[in-house]
mmCIF file of all heavy atoms, coordinates in Angstrom:
data_MODEL
# 
_entry.id   MODEL 
# 
loop_
_atom_site.group_PDB 
_atom_site.id 
_atom_site.type_symbol 
_atom_site.label_atom_id 
_atom_site.label_alt_id 
_atom_site.label_comp_id 
_atom_site.label_asym_id 
_atom_site.label_entity_id 
_atom_site.label_seq_id 
_atom_site.pdbx_PDB_ins_code 
_atom_site.Cartn_x 
_atom_site.Cartn_y 
_atom_site.Cartn_z 
_atom_site.occupancy 
_atom_site.B_iso_or_equiv 
_atom_site.pdbx_formal_charge 
_atom_site.auth_seq_id 
_atom_site.auth_comp_id 
_atom_site.auth_asym_id 
_atom_site.auth_atom_id 
_atom_site.pdbx_PDB_model_num 
ATOM 1   N N   . SER A 1 1  ? -16.771 12.730  1.040  1.00 0.00 ? 1  SER A N   1 
ATOM 2   C CA  . SER A 1 1  ? -16.612 11.284  0.838  1.00 0.00 ? 1  SER A CA  1 
ATOM 3   C C   . SER A 1 1  ? -15.694 11.052  -0.284 1.00 0.00 ? 1  SER A C   1 
ATOM 4   O O   . SER A 1 1  ? -14.910 10.066  -0.172 1.00 0.00 ? 1  SER A O   1 
ATOM 5   C CB  . SER A 1 1  ? -17.999 10.624  0.498  1.00 0.00 ? 1  SER A CB  1 
ATOM 6   O OG  . SER A 1 1  ? -18.571 11.312  -0.670 1.00 0.00 ? 1  SER A OG  1 
ATOM 7   N N   . GLN A 1 2  ? -15.657 11.917  -1.293 1.00 0.00 ? 2  GLN A N   1 
ATOM 8   C CA  . GLN A 1 2  ? -14.638 11.754  -2.370 1.00 0.00 ? 2  GLN A CA  1 
ATOM 9   C C   . GLN A 1 2  ? -13.235 11.912  -1.842 1.00 0.00 ? 2  GLN A C   1 
ATOM 10  O O   . GLN A 1 2  ? -12.361 11.032  -2.228 1.00 0.00 ? 2  GLN A O   1 
ATOM 11  C CB  . GLN A 1 2  ? -14.936 12.769  -3.468 1.00 0.00 ? 2  GLN A CB  1 
ATOM 12  C CG  . GLN A 1 2  ? -14.161 12.454  -4.709 1.00 0.00 ? 2  GLN A CG  1 
ATOM 13  C CD  . GLN A 1 2  ? -14.479 13.462  -5.817 1.00 0.00 ? 2  GLN A CD  1 
ATOM 14  O OE1 . GLN A 1 2  ? -15.197 14.393  -5.685 1.00 0.00 ? 2  GLN A OE1 1 
ATOM 15  N NE2 . GLN A 1 2  ? -14.066 13.135  -6.952 1.00 0.00 ? 2  GLN A NE2 1 
ATOM 16  N N   . GLU A 1 3  ? -12.952 12.757  -0.961 1.00 0.00 ? 3  GLU A N   1 
ATOM 17  C CA  . GLU A 1 3  ? -11.627 13.086  -0.380 1.00 0.00 ? 3  GLU A CA  1 
ATOM 18  C C   . GLU A 1 3  ? -11.355 11.852  0.511  1.00 0.00 ? 3  GLU A C   1 
ATOM 19  O O   . GLU A 1 3  ? -10.137 11.321  0.445  1.00 0.00 ? 3  GLU A O   1 
ATOM 20  C CB  . GLU A 1 3  ? -11.687 14.274  0.481  1.00 0.00 ? 3  GLU A CB  1 
ATOM 21  C CG  . GLU A 1 3  ? -11.730 15.551  -0.499 1.00 0.00 ? 3  GLU A CG  1 
ATOM 22  C CD  . GLU A 1 3  ? -11.913 16.813  0.478  1.00 0.00 ? 3  GLU A CD  1 
ATOM 23  O OE1 . GLU A 1 3  ? -12.525 16.686  1.540  1.00 0.00 ? 3  GLU A OE1 1 
ATOM 24  O OE2 . GLU A 1 3  ? -11.457 17.848  0.085  1.00 0.00 ? 3  GLU A OE2 1 
ATOM 25  N N   . ALA A 1 4  ? -12.227 11.343  1.225  1.00 0.00 ? 4  ALA A N   1 
ATOM 26  C CA  . ALA A 1 4  ? -11.887 10.172  1.992  1.00 0.00 ? 4  ALA A CA  1 
ATOM 27  C C   . ALA A 1 4  ? -11.670 8.999   1.166  1.00 0.00 ? 4  ALA A C   1 
ATOM 28  O O   . ALA A 1 4  ? -10.730 8.151   1.499  1.00 0.00 ? 4  ALA A O   1 
ATOM 29  C CB  . ALA A 1 4  ? -13.127 9.904   3.047  1.00 0.00 ? 4  ALA A CB  1 
ATOM 30  N N   . SER A 1 5  ? -12.430 8.771   0.123  1.00 0.00 ? 5  SER A N   1 
ATOM 31  C CA  . SER A 1 5  ? -12.156 7.706   -0.714 1.00 0.00 ? 5  SER A CA  1 
ATOM 32  C C   . SER A 1 5  ? -10.659 7.709   -1.405 1.00 0.00 ? 5  SER A C   1 
ATOM 33  O O   . SER A 1 5  ? -10.049 6.713   -1.535 1.00 0.00 ? 5  SER A O   1 
ATOM 34  C CB  . SER A 1 5  ? -13.199 7.611   -1.835 1.00 0.00 ? 5  SER A CB  1 
ATOM 35  O OG  . SER A 1 5  ? -12.998 6.565   -2.789 1.00 0.00 ? 5  SER A OG  1 
ATOM 36  N N   . LYS A 1 6  ? -10.360 8.925   -1.754 1.00 0.00 ? 6  LYS A N   1 
ATOM 37  C CA  . LYS A 1 6  ? -9.027  9.098   -2.392 1.00 0.00 ? 6  LYS A CA  1 
ATOM 38  C C   . LYS A 1 6  ? -7.922  8.754   -1.322 1.00 0.00 ? 6  LYS A C   1 
ATOM 39  O O   . LYS A 1 6  ? -6.846  8.174   -1.636 1.00 0.00 ? 6  LYS A O   1 
ATOM 40  C CB  . LYS A 1 6  ? -8.785  10.489  -2.966 1.00 0.00 ? 6  LYS A CB  1 
ATOM 41  C CG  . LYS A 1 6  ? -9.493  10.822  -4.147 1.00 0.00 ? 6  LYS A CG  1 
ATOM 42  C CD  . LYS A 1 6  ? -9.335  12.148  -4.676 1.00 0.00 ? 6  LYS A CD  1 
ATOM 43  C CE  . LYS A 1 6  ? -10.078 12.428  -5.950 1.00 0.00 ? 6  LYS A CE  1 
ATOM 44  N NZ  . LYS A 1 6  ? -9.787  13.846  -6.497 1.00 0.00 ? 6  LYS A NZ  1 
ATOM 45  N N   . LEU A 1 7  ? -8.076  9.166   0.014  1.00 0.00 ? 7  LEU A N   1 
ATOM 46  C CA  . LEU A 1 7  ? -7.116  8.934   1.013  1.00 0.00 ? 7  LEU A CA  1 
ATOM 47  C C   . LEU A 1 7  ? -7.019  7.490   1.266  1.00 0.00 ? 7  LEU A C   1 
ATOM 48  O O   . LEU A 1 7  ? -6.025  6.866   1.474  1.00 0.00 ? 7  LEU A O   1 
ATOM 49  C CB  . LEU A 1 7  ? -7.521  9.603   2.288  1.00 0.00 ? 7  LEU A CB  1 
ATOM 50  C CG  . LEU A 1 7  ? -7.327  11.193  2.358  1.00 0.00 ? 7  LEU A CG  1 
ATOM 51  C CD1 . LEU A 1 7  ? -7.808  11.775  3.619  1.00 0.00 ? 7  LEU A CD1 1 
ATOM 52  C CD2 . LEU A 1 7  ? -5.792  11.371  2.224  1.00 0.00 ? 7  LEU A CD2 1 
ATOM 53  N N   . ILE A 1 8  ? -8.206  6.791   1.355  1.00 0.00 ? 8  ILE A N   1 
ATOM 54  C CA  . ILE A 1 8  ? -8.260  5.213   1.542  1.00 0.00 ? 8  ILE A CA  1 
ATOM 55  C C   . ILE A 1 8  ? -7.446  4.581   0.371  1.00 0.00 ? 8  ILE A C   1 
ATOM 56  O O   . ILE A 1 8  ? -6.609  3.663   0.487  1.00 0.00 ? 8  ILE A O   1 
ATOM 57  C CB  . ILE A 1 8  ? -9.570  4.742   1.631  1.00 0.00 ? 8  ILE A CB  1 
ATOM 58  C CG1 . ILE A 1 8  ? -10.189 5.308   3.006  1.00 0.00 ? 8  ILE A CG1 1 
ATOM 59  C CG2 . ILE A 1 8  ? -9.712  3.198   1.548  1.00 0.00 ? 8  ILE A CG2 1 
ATOM 60  C CD1 . ILE A 1 8  ? -11.610 4.918   3.121  1.00 0.00 ? 8  ILE A CD1 1 
ATOM 61  N N   . ALA A 1 9  ? -7.795  5.042   -0.902 1.00 0.00 ? 9  ALA A N   1 
ATOM 62  C CA  . ALA A 1 9  ? -7.048  4.430   -2.061 1.00 0.00 ? 9  ALA A CA  1 
ATOM 63  C C   . ALA A 1 9  ? -5.493  4.609   -1.917 1.00 0.00 ? 9  ALA A C   1 
ATOM 64  O O   . ALA A 1 9  ? -4.810  3.712   -2.253 1.00 0.00 ? 9  ALA A O   1 
ATOM 65  C CB  . ALA A 1 9  ? -7.650  4.978   -3.403 1.00 0.00 ? 9  ALA A CB  1 
ATOM 66  N N   . SER A 1 10 ? -5.128  5.727   -1.520 1.00 0.00 ? 10 SER A N   1 
ATOM 67  C CA  . SER A 1 10 ? -3.681  6.088   -1.400 1.00 0.00 ? 10 SER A CA  1 
ATOM 68  C C   . SER A 1 10 ? -3.178  5.160   -0.231 1.00 0.00 ? 10 SER A C   1 
ATOM 69  O O   . SER A 1 10 ? -1.970  4.623   -0.437 1.00 0.00 ? 10 SER A O   1 
ATOM 70  C CB  . SER A 1 10 ? -3.574  7.612   -1.061 1.00 0.00 ? 10 SER A CB  1 
ATOM 71  O OG  . SER A 1 10 ? -2.175  7.761   -0.871 1.00 0.00 ? 10 SER A OG  1 
ATOM 72  N N   . ALA A 1 11 ? -3.877  5.059   0.867  1.00 0.00 ? 11 ALA A N   1 
ATOM 73  C CA  . ALA A 1 11 ? -3.406  4.210   1.853  1.00 0.00 ? 11 ALA A CA  1 
ATOM 74  C C   . ALA A 1 11 ? -3.213  2.687   1.442  1.00 0.00 ? 11 ALA A C   1 
ATOM 75  O O   . ALA A 1 11 ? -2.186  2.048   1.751  1.00 0.00 ? 11 ALA A O   1 
ATOM 76  C CB  . ALA A 1 11 ? -4.255  4.332   3.036  1.00 0.00 ? 11 ALA A CB  1 
ATOM 77  N N   . ILE A 1 12 ? -4.123  2.284   0.693  1.00 0.00 ? 12 ILE A N   1 
ATOM 78  C CA  . ILE A 1 12 ? -4.178  0.907   0.127  1.00 0.00 ? 12 ILE A CA  1 
ATOM 79  C C   . ILE A 1 12 ? -3.016  0.643   -0.748 1.00 0.00 ? 12 ILE A C   1 
ATOM 80  O O   . ILE A 1 12 ? -2.223  -0.342  -0.684 1.00 0.00 ? 12 ILE A O   1 
ATOM 81  C CB  . ILE A 1 12 ? -5.373  0.522   -0.453 1.00 0.00 ? 12 ILE A CB  1 
ATOM 82  C CG1 . ILE A 1 12 ? -6.555  0.510   0.544  1.00 0.00 ? 12 ILE A CG1 1 
ATOM 83  C CG2 . ILE A 1 12 ? -5.424  -0.706  -1.410 1.00 0.00 ? 12 ILE A CG2 1 
ATOM 84  C CD1 . ILE A 1 12 ? -6.401  -0.638  1.538  1.00 0.00 ? 12 ILE A CD1 1 
ATOM 85  N N   . GLU A 1 13 ? -2.746  1.693   -1.711 1.00 0.00 ? 13 GLU A N   1 
ATOM 86  C CA  . GLU A 1 13 ? -1.540  1.557   -2.530 1.00 0.00 ? 13 GLU A CA  1 
ATOM 87  C C   . GLU A 1 13 ? -0.289  1.569   -1.669 1.00 0.00 ? 13 GLU A C   1 
ATOM 88  O O   . GLU A 1 13 ? 0.785   0.840   -2.067 1.00 0.00 ? 13 GLU A O   1 
ATOM 89  C CB  . GLU A 1 13 ? -1.569  2.710   -3.629 1.00 0.00 ? 13 GLU A CB  1 
ATOM 90  C CG  . GLU A 1 13 ? -2.559  2.594   -4.615 1.00 0.00 ? 13 GLU A CG  1 
ATOM 91  C CD  . GLU A 1 13 ? -2.465  1.288   -5.349 1.00 0.00 ? 13 GLU A CD  1 
ATOM 92  O OE1 . GLU A 1 13 ? -1.280  0.855   -5.873 1.00 0.00 ? 13 GLU A OE1 1 
ATOM 93  O OE2 . GLU A 1 13 ? -3.533  0.609   -5.556 1.00 0.00 ? 13 GLU A OE2 1 
ATOM 94  N N   . THR A 1 14 ? -0.157  2.420   -0.677 1.00 0.00 ? 14 THR A N   1 
ATOM 95  C CA  . THR A 1 14 ? 1.004   2.361   0.114  1.00 0.00 ? 14 THR A CA  1 
ATOM 96  C C   . THR A 1 14 ? 1.186   1.072   0.815  1.00 0.00 ? 14 THR A C   1 
ATOM 97  O O   . THR A 1 14 ? 2.286   0.508   0.788  1.00 0.00 ? 14 THR A O   1 
ATOM 98  C CB  . THR A 1 14 ? 1.042   3.545   1.156  1.00 0.00 ? 14 THR A CB  1 
ATOM 99  O OG1 . THR A 1 14 ? 0.914   4.753   0.486  1.00 0.00 ? 14 THR A OG1 1 
ATOM 100 C CG2 . THR A 1 14 ? 2.175   3.507   2.040  1.00 0.00 ? 14 THR A CG2 1 
ATOM 101 N N   . LEU A 1 15 ? 0.182   0.411   1.364  1.00 0.00 ? 15 LEU A N   1 
ATOM 102 C CA  . LEU A 1 15 ? 0.175   -0.860  2.014  1.00 0.00 ? 15 LEU A CA  1 
ATOM 103 C C   . LEU A 1 15 ? 0.626   -1.926  0.979  1.00 0.00 ? 15 LEU A C   1 
ATOM 104 O O   . LEU A 1 15 ? 1.483   -2.730  1.336  1.00 0.00 ? 15 LEU A O   1 
ATOM 105 C CB  . LEU A 1 15 ? -1.150  -1.124  2.708  1.00 0.00 ? 15 LEU A CB  1 
ATOM 106 C CG  . LEU A 1 15 ? -1.227  -2.380  3.515  1.00 0.00 ? 15 LEU A CG  1 
ATOM 107 C CD1 . LEU A 1 15 ? -0.219  -2.386  4.698  1.00 0.00 ? 15 LEU A CD1 1 
ATOM 108 C CD2 . LEU A 1 15 ? -2.569  -2.599  4.000  1.00 0.00 ? 15 LEU A CD2 1 
ATOM 109 N N   . LYS A 1 16 ? 0.189   -1.776  -0.246 1.00 0.00 ? 16 LYS A N   1 
ATOM 110 C CA  . LYS A 1 16 ? 0.669   -2.796  -1.222 1.00 0.00 ? 16 LYS A CA  1 
ATOM 111 C C   . LYS A 1 16 ? 2.155   -2.713  -1.418 1.00 0.00 ? 16 LYS A C   1 
ATOM 112 O O   . LYS A 1 16 ? 2.861   -3.741  -1.481 1.00 0.00 ? 16 LYS A O   1 
ATOM 113 C CB  . LYS A 1 16 ? -0.007  -2.482  -2.599 1.00 0.00 ? 16 LYS A CB  1 
ATOM 114 C CG  . LYS A 1 16 ? -1.494  -2.889  -2.621 1.00 0.00 ? 16 LYS A CG  1 
ATOM 115 C CD  . LYS A 1 16 ? -2.093  -2.627  -3.969 1.00 0.00 ? 16 LYS A CD  1 
ATOM 116 C CE  . LYS A 1 16 ? -3.556  -2.924  -3.976 1.00 0.00 ? 16 LYS A CE  1 
ATOM 117 N NZ  . LYS A 1 16 ? -4.150  -2.572  -5.309 1.00 0.00 ? 16 LYS A NZ  1 
ATOM 118 N N   . MET A 1 17 ? 2.655   -1.518  -1.522 1.00 0.00 ? 17 MET A N   1 
ATOM 119 C CA  . MET A 1 17 ? 4.170   -1.306  -1.600 1.00 0.00 ? 17 MET A CA  1 
ATOM 120 C C   . MET A 1 17 ? 4.945   -1.836  -0.475 1.00 0.00 ? 17 MET A C   1 
ATOM 121 O O   . MET A 1 17 ? 6.001   -2.510  -0.720 1.00 0.00 ? 17 MET A O   1 
ATOM 122 C CB  . MET A 1 17 ? 4.501   0.166   -1.975 1.00 0.00 ? 17 MET A CB  1 
ATOM 123 C CG  . MET A 1 17 ? 4.024   0.702   -3.252 1.00 0.00 ? 17 MET A CG  1 
ATOM 124 S SD  . MET A 1 17 ? 4.598   2.369   -3.630 1.00 0.00 ? 17 MET A SD  1 
ATOM 125 C CE  . MET A 1 17 ? 3.741   3.420   -2.346 1.00 0.00 ? 17 MET A CE  1 
ATOM 126 N N   . VAL A 1 18 ? 4.316   -1.646  0.700  1.00 0.00 ? 18 VAL A N   1 
ATOM 127 C CA  . VAL A 1 18 ? 4.989   -2.167  1.875  1.00 0.00 ? 18 VAL A CA  1 
ATOM 128 C C   . VAL A 1 18 ? 5.058   -3.664  1.846  1.00 0.00 ? 18 VAL A C   1 
ATOM 129 O O   . VAL A 1 18 ? 6.108   -4.350  2.104  1.00 0.00 ? 18 VAL A O   1 
ATOM 130 C CB  . VAL A 1 18 ? 4.369   -1.636  3.172  1.00 0.00 ? 18 VAL A CB  1 
ATOM 131 C CG1 . VAL A 1 18 ? 4.956   -2.366  4.402  1.00 0.00 ? 18 VAL A CG1 1 
ATOM 132 C CG2 . VAL A 1 18 ? 4.637   -0.148  3.348  1.00 0.00 ? 18 VAL A CG2 1 
ATOM 133 N N   . ARG A 1 19 ? 3.837   -4.244  1.616  1.00 0.00 ? 19 ARG A N   1 
ATOM 134 C CA  . ARG A 1 19 ? 3.728   -5.745  1.508  1.00 0.00 ? 19 ARG A CA  1 
ATOM 135 C C   . ARG A 1 19 ? 4.717   -6.290  0.445  1.00 0.00 ? 19 ARG A C   1 
ATOM 136 O O   . ARG A 1 19 ? 5.456   -7.297  0.736  1.00 0.00 ? 19 ARG A O   1 
ATOM 137 C CB  . ARG A 1 19 ? 2.348   -6.036  1.094  1.00 0.00 ? 19 ARG A CB  1 
ATOM 138 C CG  . ARG A 1 19 ? 2.254   -7.632  1.006  1.00 0.00 ? 19 ARG A CG  1 
ATOM 139 C CD  . ARG A 1 19 ? 1.167   -8.000  0.109  1.00 0.00 ? 19 ARG A CD  1 
ATOM 140 N NE  . ARG A 1 19 ? 1.244   -7.336  -1.244 1.00 0.00 ? 19 ARG A NE  1 
ATOM 141 C CZ  . ARG A 1 19 ? 0.313   -7.188  -2.227 1.00 0.00 ? 19 ARG A CZ  1 
ATOM 142 N NH1 . ARG A 1 19 ? -0.885  -7.715  -1.948 1.00 0.00 ? 19 ARG A NH1 1 
ATOM 143 N NH2 . ARG A 1 19 ? 0.538   -6.640  -3.450 1.00 0.00 ? 19 ARG A NH2 1 
ATOM 144 N N   . ASP A 1 20 ? 4.816   -5.631  -0.728 1.00 0.00 ? 20 ASP A N   1 
ATOM 145 C CA  . ASP A 1 20 ? 5.677   -6.184  -1.663 1.00 0.00 ? 20 ASP A CA  1 
ATOM 146 C C   . ASP A 1 20 ? 7.160   -5.934  -1.285 1.00 0.00 ? 20 ASP A C   1 
ATOM 147 O O   . ASP A 1 20 ? 7.930   -6.906  -1.765 1.00 0.00 ? 20 ASP A O   1 
ATOM 148 C CB  . ASP A 1 20 ? 5.355   -5.412  -3.027 1.00 0.00 ? 20 ASP A CB  1 
ATOM 149 C CG  . ASP A 1 20 ? 4.078   -5.807  -3.631 1.00 0.00 ? 20 ASP A CG  1 
ATOM 150 O OD1 . ASP A 1 20 ? 3.401   -6.709  -3.212 1.00 0.00 ? 20 ASP A OD1 1 
ATOM 151 O OD2 . ASP A 1 20 ? 3.666   -4.993  -4.532 1.00 0.00 ? 20 ASP A OD2 1 
ATOM 152 N N   . GLU A 1 21 ? 7.495   -4.925  -0.793 1.00 0.00 ? 21 GLU A N   1 
ATOM 153 C CA  . GLU A 1 21 ? 9.035   -4.668  -0.374 1.00 0.00 ? 21 GLU A CA  1 
ATOM 154 C C   . GLU A 1 21 ? 9.315   -5.700  0.690  1.00 0.00 ? 21 GLU A C   1 
ATOM 155 O O   . GLU A 1 21 ? 10.402  -6.335  0.625  1.00 0.00 ? 21 GLU A O   1 
ATOM 156 C CB  . GLU A 1 21 ? 9.137   -3.344  0.157  1.00 0.00 ? 21 GLU A CB  1 
ATOM 157 C CG  . GLU A 1 21 ? 10.445  -3.036  0.645  1.00 0.00 ? 21 GLU A CG  1 
ATOM 158 C CD  . GLU A 1 21 ? 11.542  -3.210  -0.371 1.00 0.00 ? 21 GLU A CD  1 
ATOM 159 O OE1 . GLU A 1 21 ? 11.303  -3.010  -1.596 1.00 0.00 ? 21 GLU A OE1 1 
ATOM 160 O OE2 . GLU A 1 21 ? 12.711  -3.555  -0.014 1.00 0.00 ? 21 GLU A OE2 1 
ATOM 161 N N   . LEU A 1 22 ? 8.387   -5.998  1.703  1.00 0.00 ? 22 LEU A N   1 
ATOM 162 C CA  . LEU A 1 22 ? 8.768   -6.965  2.673  1.00 0.00 ? 22 LEU A CA  1 
ATOM 163 C C   . LEU A 1 22 ? 8.872   -8.366  2.079  1.00 0.00 ? 22 LEU A C   1 
ATOM 164 O O   . LEU A 1 22 ? 9.737   -9.188  2.401  1.00 0.00 ? 22 LEU A O   1 
ATOM 165 C CB  . LEU A 1 22 ? 7.590   -7.068  3.806  1.00 0.00 ? 22 LEU A CB  1 
ATOM 166 C CG  . LEU A 1 22 ? 7.558   -5.891  4.708  1.00 0.00 ? 22 LEU A CG  1 
ATOM 167 C CD1 . LEU A 1 22 ? 6.241   -5.981  5.512  1.00 0.00 ? 22 LEU A CD1 1 
ATOM 168 C CD2 . LEU A 1 22 ? 8.854   -5.974  5.683  1.00 0.00 ? 22 LEU A CD2 1 
ATOM 169 N N   . GLY A 1 23 ? 7.967   -8.657  0.992  1.00 0.00 ? 23 GLY A N   1 
ATOM 170 C CA  . GLY A 1 23 ? 8.024   -9.931  0.329  1.00 0.00 ? 23 GLY A CA  1 
ATOM 171 C C   . GLY A 1 23 ? 9.368   -10.143 -0.332 1.00 0.00 ? 23 GLY A C   1 
ATOM 172 O O   . GLY A 1 23 ? 10.049  -11.207 -0.302 1.00 0.00 ? 23 GLY A O   1 
ATOM 173 N N   . THR A 1 24 ? 9.886   -8.985  -1.012 1.00 0.00 ? 24 THR A N   1 
ATOM 174 C CA  . THR A 1 24 ? 11.053  -9.108  -1.665 1.00 0.00 ? 24 THR A CA  1 
ATOM 175 C C   . THR A 1 24 ? 12.166  -9.259  -0.738 1.00 0.00 ? 24 THR A C   1 
ATOM 176 O O   . THR A 1 24 ? 13.084  -10.064 -0.974 1.00 0.00 ? 24 THR A O   1 
ATOM 177 C CB  . THR A 1 24 ? 11.247  -7.664  -2.488 1.00 0.00 ? 24 THR A CB  1 
ATOM 178 O OG1 . THR A 1 24 ? 10.158  -7.606  -3.453 1.00 0.00 ? 24 THR A OG1 1 
ATOM 179 C CG2 . THR A 1 24 ? 12.614  -7.570  -3.128 1.00 0.00 ? 24 THR A CG2 1 
ATOM 180 N N   . GLN A 1 25 ? 12.260  -8.595  0.391  1.00 0.00 ? 25 GLN A N   1 
ATOM 181 C CA  . GLN A 1 25 ? 13.313  -8.733  1.353  1.00 0.00 ? 25 GLN A CA  1 
ATOM 182 C C   . GLN A 1 25 ? 13.323  -10.160 1.859  1.00 0.00 ? 25 GLN A C   1 
ATOM 183 O O   . GLN A 1 25 ? 14.441  -10.709 2.045  1.00 0.00 ? 25 GLN A O   1 
ATOM 184 C CB  . GLN A 1 25 ? 13.155  -7.654  2.401  1.00 0.00 ? 25 GLN A CB  1 
ATOM 185 C CG  . GLN A 1 25 ? 13.580  -6.294  2.052  1.00 0.00 ? 25 GLN A CG  1 
ATOM 186 C CD  . GLN A 1 25 ? 13.512  -5.362  3.185  1.00 0.00 ? 25 GLN A CD  1 
ATOM 187 O OE1 . GLN A 1 25 ? 13.531  -5.686  4.335  1.00 0.00 ? 25 GLN A OE1 1 
ATOM 188 N NE2 . GLN A 1 25 ? 13.253  -4.084  2.775  1.00 0.00 ? 25 GLN A NE2 1 
ATOM 189 N N   . LEU A 1 26 ? 12.068  -10.671 2.168  1.00 0.00 ? 26 LEU A N   1 
ATOM 190 C CA  . LEU A 1 26 ? 12.083  -11.992 2.805  1.00 0.00 ? 26 LEU A CA  1 
ATOM 191 C C   . LEU A 1 26 ? 12.522  -13.051 1.831  1.00 0.00 ? 26 LEU A C   1 
ATOM 192 O O   . LEU A 1 26 ? 13.038  -14.076 2.171  1.00 0.00 ? 26 LEU A O   1 
ATOM 193 C CB  . LEU A 1 26 ? 10.738  -12.295 3.267  1.00 0.00 ? 26 LEU A CB  1 
ATOM 194 C CG  . LEU A 1 26 ? 10.194  -11.508 4.501  1.00 0.00 ? 26 LEU A CG  1 
ATOM 195 C CD1 . LEU A 1 26 ? 8.715   -11.671 4.697  1.00 0.00 ? 26 LEU A CD1 1 
ATOM 196 C CD2 . LEU A 1 26 ? 11.037  -12.020 5.813  1.00 0.00 ? 26 LEU A CD2 1 
ATOM 197 N N   . CYS A 1 27 ? 12.201  -12.850 0.561  1.00 0.00 ? 27 CYS A N   1 
ATOM 198 C CA  . CYS A 1 27 ? 12.552  -13.914 -0.485 1.00 0.00 ? 27 CYS A CA  1 
ATOM 199 C C   . CYS A 1 27 ? 14.092  -13.752 -1.034 1.00 0.00 ? 27 CYS A C   1 
ATOM 200 O O   . CYS A 1 27 ? 14.522  -14.621 -1.664 1.00 0.00 ? 27 CYS A O   1 
ATOM 201 C CB  . CYS A 1 27 ? 11.616  -13.819 -1.624 1.00 0.00 ? 27 CYS A CB  1 
ATOM 202 S SG  . CYS A 1 27 ? 9.980   -14.270 -1.201 1.00 0.00 ? 27 CYS A SG  1 
ATOM 203 N N   . SER A 1 28 ? 14.672  -12.687 -0.630 1.00 0.00 ? 28 SER A N   1 
ATOM 204 C CA  . SER A 1 28 ? 15.935  -12.432 -1.178 1.00 0.00 ? 28 SER A CA  1 
ATOM 205 C C   . SER A 1 28 ? 17.015  -13.393 -0.650 1.00 0.00 ? 28 SER A C   1 
ATOM 206 O O   . SER A 1 28 ? 18.049  -13.625 -1.393 1.00 0.00 ? 28 SER A O   1 
ATOM 207 C CB  . SER A 1 28 ? 16.411  -10.992 -0.828 1.00 0.00 ? 28 SER A CB  1 
ATOM 208 O OG  . SER A 1 28 ? 16.692  -10.902 0.474  1.00 0.00 ? 28 SER A OG  1 
# 
């Protein structure tokens, strides 16, 4: 469960980066 939790946290951080990058590109 600890490994799964770390993977989920990593996926969430990656999704945040993608969202932010898309937002930056759309607002540019």
